[in-house]
PDB file of N, CA and C in Angstrom:
ATOM      1  N   UNK A   1     -14.871  -7.116   1.121  1.00  0.00           N
ATOM      2  CA  UNK A   1     -14.884  -6.467   2.416  1.00  0.00           C
ATOM      3  C   UNK A   1     -13.447  -6.252   2.882  1.00  0.00           C
ATOM      4  N   UNK A   2     -13.184  -5.070   3.400  1.00  0.00           N
ATOM      5  CA  UNK A   2     -11.852  -4.718   3.878  1.00  0.00           C
ATOM      6  C   UNK A   2     -11.681  -5.180   5.320  1.00  0.00           C
ATOM      7  N   UNK A   3     -10.577  -5.837   5.593  1.00  0.00           N
ATOM      8  CA  UNK A   3     -10.270  -6.287   6.948  1.00  0.00           C
ATOM      9  C   UNK A   3      -9.136  -5.434   7.487  1.00  0.00           C
ATOM     10  N   UNK A   4      -9.357  -4.790   8.601  1.00  0.00           N
ATOM     11  CA  UNK A   4      -8.344  -3.938   9.221  1.00  0.00           C
ATOM     12  C   UNK A   4      -7.245  -4.814   9.814  1.00  0.00           C
ATOM     13  N   UNK A   5      -6.026  -4.614   9.314  1.00  0.00           N
ATOM     14  CA  UNK A   5      -4.910  -5.453   9.755  1.00  0.00           C
ATOM     15  C   UNK A   5      -3.816  -4.648  10.458  1.00  0.00           C
ATOM     16  N   UNK A   6      -4.117  -3.441  10.872  1.00  0.00           N
ATOM     17  CA  UNK A   6      -3.129  -2.600  11.524  1.00  0.00           C
ATOM     18  C   UNK A   6      -3.692  -2.071  12.833  1.00  0.00           C
ATOM     19  N   UNK A   7      -2.817  -1.561  13.665  1.00  0.00           N
ATOM     20  CA  UNK A   7      -3.258  -1.008  14.937  1.00  0.00           C
ATOM     21  C   UNK A   7      -3.427   0.504  14.809  1.00  0.00           C
ATOM     22  N   UNK A   8      -4.138   1.062  15.741  1.00  0.00           N
ATOM     23  CA  UNK A   8      -4.330   2.511  15.778  1.00  0.00           C
ATOM     24  C   UNK A   8      -2.980   3.224  15.922  1.00  0.00           C
ATOM     25  N   UNK A   9      -2.079   2.667  16.713  1.00  0.00           N
ATOM     26  CA  UNK A   9      -0.763   3.270  16.918  1.00  0.00           C
ATOM     27  C   UNK A   9       0.065   3.259  15.639  1.00  0.00           C
ATOM     28  N   UNK A  10      -0.015   2.187  14.872  1.00  0.00           N
ATOM     29  CA  UNK A  10       0.728   2.108  13.613  1.00  0.00           C
ATOM     30  C   UNK A  10       0.187   3.133  12.618  1.00  0.00           C
ATOM     31  N   UNK A  11      -1.111   3.253  12.542  1.00  0.00           N
ATOM     32  CA  UNK A  11      -1.718   4.243  11.638  1.00  0.00           C
ATOM     33  C   UNK A  11      -1.296   5.657  12.039  1.00  0.00           C
ATOM     34  N   UNK A  12      -1.315   5.929  13.323  1.00  0.00           N
ATOM     35  CA  UNK A  12      -0.919   7.244  13.832  1.00  0.00           C
ATOM     36  C   UNK A  12       0.552   7.523  13.498  1.00  0.00           C
ATOM     37  N   UNK A  13       1.409   6.534  13.658  1.00  0.00           N
ATOM     38  CA  UNK A  13       2.832   6.695  13.355  1.00  0.00           C
ATOM     39  C   UNK A  13       3.057   6.970  11.865  1.00  0.00           C
ATOM     40  N   UNK A  14       2.308   6.302  10.999  1.00  0.00           N
ATOM     41  CA  UNK A  14       2.447   6.525   9.552  1.00  0.00           C
ATOM     42  C   UNK A  14       1.971   7.917   9.160  1.00  0.00           C
ATOM     43  N   UNK A  15       0.863   8.356   9.735  1.00  0.00           N
ATOM     44  CA  UNK A  15       0.363   9.704   9.464  1.00  0.00           C
ATOM     45  C   UNK A  15       1.395  10.731   9.930  1.00  0.00           C
ATOM     46  N   UNK A  16       1.943  10.527  11.112  1.00  0.00           N
ATOM     47  CA  UNK A  16       2.961  11.445  11.646  1.00  0.00           C
ATOM     48  C   UNK A  16       4.192  11.473  10.741  1.00  0.00           C
ATOM     49  N   UNK A  17       4.597  10.326  10.234  1.00  0.00           N
ATOM     50  CA  UNK A  17       5.762  10.265   9.349  1.00  0.00           C
ATOM     51  C   UNK A  17       5.525  11.040   8.052  1.00  0.00           C
ATOM     52  N   UNK A  18       4.326  10.970   7.522  1.00  0.00           N
ATOM     53  CA  UNK A  18       4.002  11.703   6.297  1.00  0.00           C
ATOM     54  C   UNK A  18       4.017  13.204   6.560  1.00  0.00           C
ATOM     55  N   UNK A  19       3.421  13.639   7.665  1.00  0.00           N
ATOM     56  CA  UNK A  19       3.459  15.061   8.003  1.00  0.00           C
ATOM     57  C   UNK A  19       4.893  15.525   8.255  1.00  0.00           C
ATOM     58  N   UNK A  20       5.709  14.708   8.899  1.00  0.00           N
ATOM     59  CA  UNK A  20       7.107  15.066   9.132  1.00  0.00           C
ATOM     60  C   UNK A  20       7.868  15.193   7.814  1.00  0.00           C
ATOM     61  N   UNK A  21       7.611  14.295   6.898  1.00  0.00           N
ATOM     62  CA  UNK A  21       8.244  14.360   5.574  1.00  0.00           C
ATOM     63  C   UNK A  21       7.906  15.693   4.906  1.00  0.00           C
ATOM     64  N   UNK A  22       6.658  16.107   5.010  1.00  0.00           N
ATOM     65  CA  UNK A  22       6.242  17.389   4.429  1.00  0.00           C
ATOM     66  C   UNK A  22       6.919  18.563   5.145  1.00  0.00           C
ATOM     67  N   UNK A  23       6.854  18.561   6.475  1.00  0.00           N
ATOM     68  CA  UNK A  23       7.397  19.683   7.245  1.00  0.00           C
ATOM     69  C   UNK A  23       8.908  19.824   7.099  1.00  0.00           C
ATOM     70  N   UNK A  24       9.594  18.718   6.865  1.00  0.00           N
ATOM     71  CA  UNK A  24      11.044  18.754   6.665  1.00  0.00           C
ATOM     72  C   UNK A  24      11.410  19.008   5.203  1.00  0.00           C
ATOM     73  N   UNK A  25      10.385  19.310   4.403  1.00  0.00           N
ATOM     74  CA  UNK A  25      10.558  19.575   2.970  1.00  0.00           C
ATOM     75  C   UNK A  25      11.315  18.439   2.294  1.00  0.00           C
ATOM     76  N   UNK A  26      10.854  17.218   2.575  1.00  0.00           N
ATOM     77  CA  UNK A  26      11.464  16.038   1.972  1.00  0.00           C
ATOM     78  C   UNK A  26      11.098  15.889   0.509  1.00  0.00           C
ATOM     79  N   UNK A  27      11.567  14.812  -0.102  1.00  0.00           N
ATOM     80  CA  UNK A  27      11.355  14.600  -1.526  1.00  0.00           C
ATOM     81  C   UNK A  27      10.003  13.989  -1.870  1.00  0.00           C
ATOM     82  N   UNK A  28       9.350  13.359  -0.923  1.00  0.00           N
ATOM     83  CA  UNK A  28       8.103  12.658  -1.232  1.00  0.00           C
ATOM     84  C   UNK A  28       6.929  13.602  -1.478  1.00  0.00           C
ATOM     85  N   UNK A  29       6.898  14.710  -0.776  1.00  0.00           N
ATOM     86  CA  UNK A  29       5.818  15.690  -0.915  1.00  0.00           C
ATOM     87  C   UNK A  29       6.472  17.051  -1.096  1.00  0.00           C
ATOM     88  N   UNK A  30       6.269  17.638  -2.248  1.00  0.00           N
ATOM     89  CA  UNK A  30       6.885  18.942  -2.521  1.00  0.00           C
ATOM     90  C   UNK A  30       5.955  19.777  -3.396  1.00  0.00           C
ATOM     91  N   UNK A  31       6.241  21.063  -3.499  1.00  0.00           N
ATOM     92  CA  UNK A  31       5.401  21.913  -4.342  1.00  0.00           C
ATOM     93  C   UNK A  31       5.453  21.452  -5.800  1.00  0.00           C
ATOM     94  N   UNK A  32       4.365  21.640  -6.493  1.00  0.00           N
ATOM     95  CA  UNK A  32       4.320  21.253  -7.893  1.00  0.00           C
ATOM     96  C   UNK A  32       5.171  22.175  -8.761  1.00  0.00           C
ATOM     97  N   UNK A  33       5.517  23.329  -8.219  1.00  0.00           N
ATOM     98  CA  UNK A  33       6.416  24.245  -8.926  1.00  0.00           C
ATOM     99  C   UNK A  33       7.387  24.850  -7.917  1.00  0.00           C
ATOM    100  N   UNK A  34       8.495  25.364  -8.428  1.00  0.00           N
ATOM    101  CA  UNK A  34       9.580  25.863  -7.569  1.00  0.00           C
ATOM    102  C   UNK A  34       9.101  26.921  -6.579  1.00  0.00           C
ATOM    103  N   UNK A  35       9.671  26.870  -5.396  1.00  0.00           N
ATOM    104  CA  UNK A  35       9.418  27.863  -4.342  1.00  0.00           C
ATOM    105  C   UNK A  35       7.952  28.001  -3.958  1.00  0.00           C
ATOM    106  N   UNK A  36       7.188  26.943  -4.052  1.00  0.00           N
ATOM    107  CA  UNK A  36       5.775  27.010  -3.698  1.00  0.00           C
ATOM    108  C   UNK A  36       5.455  26.521  -2.301  1.00  0.00           C
ATOM    109  N   UNK A  37       6.469  26.386  -1.442  1.00  0.00           N
ATOM    110  CA  UNK A  37       6.245  25.858  -0.089  1.00  0.00           C
ATOM    111  C   UNK A  37       5.253  26.701   0.694  1.00  0.00           C
ATOM    112  N   UNK A  38       5.251  28.008   0.480  1.00  0.00           N
ATOM    113  CA  UNK A  38       4.350  28.890   1.232  1.00  0.00           C
ATOM    114  C   UNK A  38       2.884  28.716   0.842  1.00  0.00           C
ATOM    115  N   UNK A  39       2.645  28.056  -0.264  1.00  0.00           N
ATOM    116  CA  UNK A  39       1.276  27.879  -0.739  1.00  0.00           C
ATOM    117  C   UNK A  39       0.709  26.508  -0.396  1.00  0.00           C
ATOM    118  N   UNK A  40       1.462  25.731   0.349  1.00  0.00           N
ATOM    119  CA  UNK A  40       1.008  24.405   0.781  1.00  0.00           C
ATOM    120  C   UNK A  40       0.833  24.439   2.289  1.00  0.00           C
ATOM    121  N   UNK A  41      -0.274  23.898   2.756  1.00  0.00           N
ATOM    122  CA  UNK A  41      -0.587  23.972   4.179  1.00  0.00           C
ATOM    123  C   UNK A  41      -0.843  22.577   4.751  1.00  0.00           C
ATOM    124  N   UNK A  42      -0.230  22.312   5.904  1.00  0.00           N
ATOM    125  CA  UNK A  42      -0.483  21.064   6.627  1.00  0.00           C
ATOM    126  C   UNK A  42      -1.589  21.319   7.638  1.00  0.00           C
ATOM    127  N   UNK A  43      -2.672  20.596   7.513  1.00  0.00           N
ATOM    128  CA  UNK A  43      -3.787  20.695   8.453  1.00  0.00           C
ATOM    129  C   UNK A  43      -3.856  19.389   9.243  1.00  0.00           C
ATOM    130  N   UNK A  44      -3.000  19.320  10.241  1.00  0.00           N
ATOM    131  CA  UNK A  44      -2.884  18.084  11.033  1.00  0.00           C
ATOM    132  C   UNK A  44      -4.204  17.654  11.657  1.00  0.00           C
ATOM    133  N   UNK A  45      -4.967  18.618  12.182  1.00  0.00           N
ATOM    134  CA  UNK A  45      -6.214  18.253  12.868  1.00  0.00           C
ATOM    135  C   UNK A  45      -7.198  17.563  11.926  1.00  0.00           C
ATOM    136  N   UNK A  46      -7.099  17.865  10.639  1.00  0.00           N
ATOM    137  CA  UNK A  46      -7.968  17.224   9.652  1.00  0.00           C
ATOM    138  C   UNK A  46      -7.291  16.054   8.947  1.00  0.00           C
ATOM    139  N   UNK A  47      -5.967  15.967   9.123  1.00  0.00           N
ATOM    140  CA  UNK A  47      -5.217  14.919   8.449  1.00  0.00           C
ATOM    141  C   UNK A  47      -4.994  15.217   6.979  1.00  0.00           C
ATOM    142  N   UNK A  48      -4.903  16.509   6.619  1.00  0.00           N
ATOM    143  CA  UNK A  48      -4.768  16.889   5.219  1.00  0.00           C
ATOM    144  C   UNK A  48      -3.530  17.741   4.993  1.00  0.00           C
ATOM    145  N   UNK A  49      -2.966  17.596   3.814  1.00  0.00           N
ATOM    146  CA  UNK A  49      -1.970  18.523   3.297  1.00  0.00           C
ATOM    147  C   UNK A  49      -2.624  19.139   2.066  1.00  0.00           C
ATOM    148  N   UNK A  50      -2.782  20.458   2.099  1.00  0.00           N
ATOM    149  CA  UNK A  50      -3.592  21.147   1.099  1.00  0.00           C
ATOM    150  C   UNK A  50      -2.712  22.064   0.255  1.00  0.00           C
ATOM    151  N   UNK A  51      -2.892  22.004  -1.034  1.00  0.00           N
ATOM    152  CA  UNK A  51      -2.176  22.871  -1.954  1.00  0.00           C
ATOM    153  C   UNK A  51      -1.808  22.112  -3.210  1.00  0.00           C
ATOM    154  N   UNK A  52      -1.126  22.812  -4.090  1.00  0.00           N
ATOM    155  CA  UNK A  52      -0.718  22.242  -5.363  1.00  0.00           C
ATOM    156  C   UNK A  52       0.607  21.512  -5.145  1.00  0.00           C
ATOM    157  N   UNK A  53       0.531  20.176  -4.945  1.00  0.00           N
ATOM    158  CA  UNK A  53       1.709  19.396  -4.578  1.00  0.00           C
ATOM    159  C   UNK A  53       2.069  18.376  -5.654  1.00  0.00           C
ATOM    160  N   UNK A  54       3.302  17.973  -5.594  1.00  0.00           N
ATOM    161  CA  UNK A  54       3.827  16.901  -6.422  1.00  0.00           C
ATOM    162  C   UNK A  54       4.164  15.756  -5.467  1.00  0.00           C
ATOM    163  N   UNK A  55       3.467  14.639  -5.610  1.00  0.00           N
ATOM    164  CA  UNK A  55       3.726  13.480  -4.753  1.00  0.00           C
ATOM    165  C   UNK A  55       4.640  12.510  -5.488  1.00  0.00           C
ATOM    166  N   UNK A  56       5.729  12.172  -4.860  1.00  0.00           N
ATOM    167  CA  UNK A  56       6.601  11.130  -5.377  1.00  0.00           C
ATOM    168  C   UNK A  56       6.147   9.848  -4.675  1.00  0.00           C
ATOM    169  N   UNK A  57       5.317   9.093  -5.347  1.00  0.00           N
ATOM    170  CA  UNK A  57       4.659   7.938  -4.723  1.00  0.00           C
ATOM    171  C   UNK A  57       5.666   6.907  -4.212  1.00  0.00           C
ATOM    172  N   UNK A  58       6.689   6.513  -4.992  1.00  0.00           N
ATOM    173  CA  UNK A  58       7.651   5.556  -4.440  1.00  0.00           C
ATOM    174  C   UNK A  58       8.332   6.064  -3.157  1.00  0.00           C
ATOM    175  N   UNK A  59       8.696   7.358  -3.129  1.00  0.00           N
ATOM    176  CA  UNK A  59       9.296   7.908  -1.911  1.00  0.00           C
ATOM    177  C   UNK A  59       8.307   7.914  -0.749  1.00  0.00           C
ATOM    178  N   UNK A  60       7.050   8.207  -1.026  1.00  0.00           N
ATOM    179  CA  UNK A  60       6.026   8.201   0.014  1.00  0.00           C
ATOM    180  C   UNK A  60       5.822   6.786   0.555  1.00  0.00           C
ATOM    181  N   UNK A  61       5.831   5.809  -0.324  1.00  0.00           N
ATOM    182  CA  UNK A  61       5.724   4.409   0.108  1.00  0.00           C
ATOM    183  C   UNK A  61       6.926   4.038   0.976  1.00  0.00           C
ATOM    184  N   UNK A  62       8.117   4.511   0.603  1.00  0.00           N
ATOM    185  CA  UNK A  62       9.307   4.241   1.428  1.00  0.00           C
ATOM    186  C   UNK A  62       9.149   4.811   2.829  1.00  0.00           C
ATOM    187  N   UNK A  63       8.600   6.026   2.938  1.00  0.00           N
ATOM    188  CA  UNK A  63       8.364   6.640   4.256  1.00  0.00           C
ATOM    189  C   UNK A  63       7.443   5.745   5.082  1.00  0.00           C
ATOM    190  N   UNK A  64       6.395   5.246   4.461  1.00  0.00           N
ATOM    191  CA  UNK A  64       5.423   4.409   5.171  1.00  0.00           C
ATOM    192  C   UNK A  64       6.043   3.069   5.562  1.00  0.00           C
ATOM    193  N   UNK A  65       6.746   2.432   4.639  1.00  0.00           N
ATOM    194  CA  UNK A  65       7.371   1.140   4.949  1.00  0.00           C
ATOM    195  C   UNK A  65       8.414   1.290   6.052  1.00  0.00           C
ATOM    196  N   UNK A  66       9.237   2.331   5.965  1.00  0.00           N
ATOM    197  CA  UNK A  66      10.237   2.569   7.015  1.00  0.00           C
ATOM    198  C   UNK A  66       9.568   2.742   8.379  1.00  0.00           C
ATOM    199  N   UNK A  67       8.433   3.425   8.392  1.00  0.00           N
ATOM    200  CA  UNK A  67       7.704   3.625   9.645  1.00  0.00           C
ATOM    201  C   UNK A  67       7.158   2.309  10.179  1.00  0.00           C
ATOM    202  N   UNK A  68       6.619   1.488   9.307  1.00  0.00           N
ATOM    203  CA  UNK A  68       6.092   0.183   9.726  1.00  0.00           C
ATOM    204  C   UNK A  68       7.207  -0.679  10.317  1.00  0.00           C
ATOM    205  N   UNK A  69       8.360  -0.703   9.661  1.00  0.00           N
ATOM    206  CA  UNK A  69       9.495  -1.490  10.159  1.00  0.00           C
ATOM    207  C   UNK A  69       9.938  -0.964  11.516  1.00  0.00           C
ATOM    208  N   UNK A  70      10.044   0.358  11.627  1.00  0.00           N
ATOM    209  CA  UNK A  70      10.463   0.975  12.904  1.00  0.00           C
ATOM    210  C   UNK A  70       9.492   0.635  14.017  1.00  0.00           C
ATOM    211  N   UNK A  71       8.204   0.718  13.730  1.00  0.00           N
ATOM    212  CA  UNK A  71       7.186   0.412  14.756  1.00  0.00           C
ATOM    213  C   UNK A  71       7.213  -1.061  15.133  1.00  0.00           C
ATOM    214  N   UNK A  72       7.486  -1.940  14.172  1.00  0.00           N
ATOM    215  CA  UNK A  72       7.545  -3.381  14.458  1.00  0.00           C
ATOM    216  C   UNK A  72       8.711  -3.739  15.354  1.00  0.00           C
ATOM    217  N   UNK A  73       9.770  -2.918  15.324  1.00  0.00           N
ATOM    218  CA  UNK A  73      10.958  -3.203  16.120  1.00  0.00           C
ATOM    219  C   UNK A  73      10.844  -2.707  17.545  1.00  0.00           C
ATOM    220  N   UNK A  74       9.775  -2.001  17.856  1.00  0.00           N
ATOM    221  CA  UNK A  74       9.597  -1.482  19.235  1.00  0.00           C
ATOM    222  C   UNK A  74       9.221  -2.593  20.172  1.00  0.00           C
TER     223      UNK A  74
END
C-alpha cells in the first residue's frame, strides 16, 4: 500500500517545475530529434507534455529534488 508522504503544495510545485523546465527548453525534456520543439505540446490543464520527447531522467530528478529542497526552505 502506498502512503502519501507529500503535501498538495509540494506536488504542485514539482509539477510546475517540470513544466517550467519544458517551457524554458531545458535539458531534462527536449525533442527526440533536432528542432522538434514545435511538435511538442504542454497541456497544463491535463498535466501532460505530449509529443515525441527525449527525457533525461537524471536531469528530471535533479529538477524535482531542487524543487523539494526549495520548498522545504520556505
